[in-house]
Amino acid sequence: MRQYETVFIIDPEFEADEVKALVEKFKGMIEDQGGEVTEVDEWGKLRLAYPINDKREGHYFLMNFTANPATAQDLERVYKITNGLMRYLIINKEK
């Protein structure tokens, strides 16, 4: 098991319950595959450094978790196909 950190930005037009559902989906996916989410930090709606898809704001989240490398790869695959996810980054904290 390795320690990971992920930051992702959700579309600002999503309602609060839609944002919460996406975060729970990602968290549940990690836990279903034997990982453990240690912290989910919501930074709130912040201004982007540059426009993404003509949007200037986004809901920022930081999530720390412990999981197998296959789980991190699966999470990235899900990030790529999730509607409303503007940007993401997964980092292995042990490197």
Protein backbone atom coordinates (compact mmCIF):
# COMPACT_ATOMS: atom_id res chain seq x y z
CA MET A 1 0.00 0.00 0.00
CA ARG A 2 1.27 3.44 -0.96
CA GLN A 3 0.31 6.92 0.16
CA TYR A 4 -1.25 9.17 -2.46
CA GLU A 5 -2.54 12.71 -2.66
CA THR A 6 -5.03 13.88 -5.25
CA VAL A 7 -6.30 17.34 -6.10
CA PHE A 8 -9.32 17.74 -8.34
CA ILE A 9 -11.49 20.61 -9.56
CA ILE A 10 -15.23 20.19 -10.09
CA ASP A 11 -17.37 22.34 -12.40
CA PRO A 12 -18.65 25.47 -10.57
CA GLU A 13 -22.13 25.04 -12.06
CA PHE A 14 -22.69 21.81 -10.08
CA GLU A 15 -24.99 22.12 -7.08
CA ALA A 16 -23.70 21.30 -3.58
CA ASP A 17 -25.37 17.88 -3.53
CA GLU A 18 -23.89 16.99 -6.95
CA VAL A 19 -20.42 18.00 -5.76
CA LYS A 20 -20.82 15.93 -2.59
CA ALA A 21 -22.00 12.93 -4.64
CA LEU A 22 -18.89 13.08 -6.84
CA VAL A 23 -16.57 13.28 -3.83
CA GLU A 24 -18.36 10.33 -2.21
CA LYS A 25 -18.10 8.38 -5.48
CA PHE A 26 -14.31 8.83 -5.57
CA LYS A 27 -13.96 8.08 -1.87
CA GLY A 28 -16.15 4.98 -2.12
CA MET A 29 -14.22 3.70 -5.11
CA ILE A 30 -10.95 3.82 -3.17
CA GLU A 31 -12.47 2.13 -0.13
CA ASP A 32 -14.17 -0.58 -2.22
CA GLN A 33 -10.77 -1.63 -3.56
CA GLY A 34 -9.22 -1.98 -0.11
CA GLY A 35 -7.78 1.53 0.19
CA GLU A 36 -8.26 4.02 2.99
CA VAL A 37 -9.11 7.70 2.62
CA THR A 38 -7.35 9.52 5.45
CA GLU A 39 -8.45 13.09 4.70
CA VAL A 40 -10.74 15.02 2.39
CA ASP A 41 -10.13 18.76 2.47
CA GLU A 42 -12.61 21.01 0.66
CA TRP A 43 -10.97 24.27 -0.35
CA GLY A 44 -14.25 25.67 -1.67
CA LYS A 45 -15.04 27.56 -4.86
CA LEU A 46 -11.90 29.37 -6.01
CA ARG A 47 -10.86 31.39 -9.03
CA LEU A 48 -8.83 29.45 -11.60
CA ALA A 49 -5.41 30.68 -12.77
CA TYR A 50 -6.67 30.47 -16.37
CA PRO A 51 -10.07 29.70 -17.94
CA ILE A 52 -10.96 26.03 -18.45
CA ASN A 53 -13.85 25.42 -20.86
CA ASP A 54 -14.76 29.15 -20.56
CA LYS A 55 -15.14 28.82 -16.77
CA ARG A 56 -13.15 30.95 -14.36
CA GLU A 57 -13.99 29.19 -11.05
CA GLY A 58 -14.12 25.66 -9.71
CA HIS A 59 -14.73 23.61 -6.55
CA TYR A 60 -11.29 22.51 -5.29
CA PHE A 61 -10.70 19.34 -3.24
CA LEU A 62 -7.60 17.71 -1.75
CA MET A 63 -7.83 14.03 -0.79
CA ASN A 64 -5.13 11.94 0.92
CA PHE A 65 -5.43 8.18 0.69
CA THR A 66 -3.55 4.90 1.02
CA ALA A 67 -4.05 2.31 -1.71
CA ASN A 68 -2.44 -0.09 -4.16
CA PRO A 69 -1.00 1.32 -7.41
CA ALA A 70 -3.79 -0.41 -9.36
CA THR A 71 -6.38 1.54 -7.35
CA ALA A 72 -4.68 4.85 -8.18
CA GLN A 73 -4.65 3.91 -11.88
CA ASP A 74 -8.33 2.97 -11.71
CA LEU A 75 -9.12 6.29 -9.99
CA GLU A 76 -7.37 8.15 -12.80
CA ARG A 77 -9.39 6.20 -15.38
CA VAL A 78 -12.61 7.20 -13.60
CA TYR A 79 -11.45 10.84 -13.40
CA LYS A 80 -11.00 10.89 -17.18
CA ILE A 81 -14.56 9.77 -17.91
CA THR A 82 -16.37 11.74 -15.18
CA ASN A 83 -18.54 14.61 -16.41
CA GLY A 84 -18.02 17.81 -14.45
CA LEU A 85 -14.42 17.11 -13.45
CA MET A 86 -12.34 19.94 -14.90
CA ARG A 87 -8.81 18.98 -13.81
CA TYR A 88 -7.13 16.44 -11.54
CA LEU A 89 -3.71 15.34 -10.33
CA ILE A 90 -2.70 12.20 -8.43
CA ILE A 91 0.68 12.19 -6.69
CA ASN A 92 2.56 9.33 -5.00
CA LYS A 93 3.70 10.94 -1.72
CA GLU A 94 6.49 8.43 -1.15
CA LYS A 95 8.66 9.62 -4.03
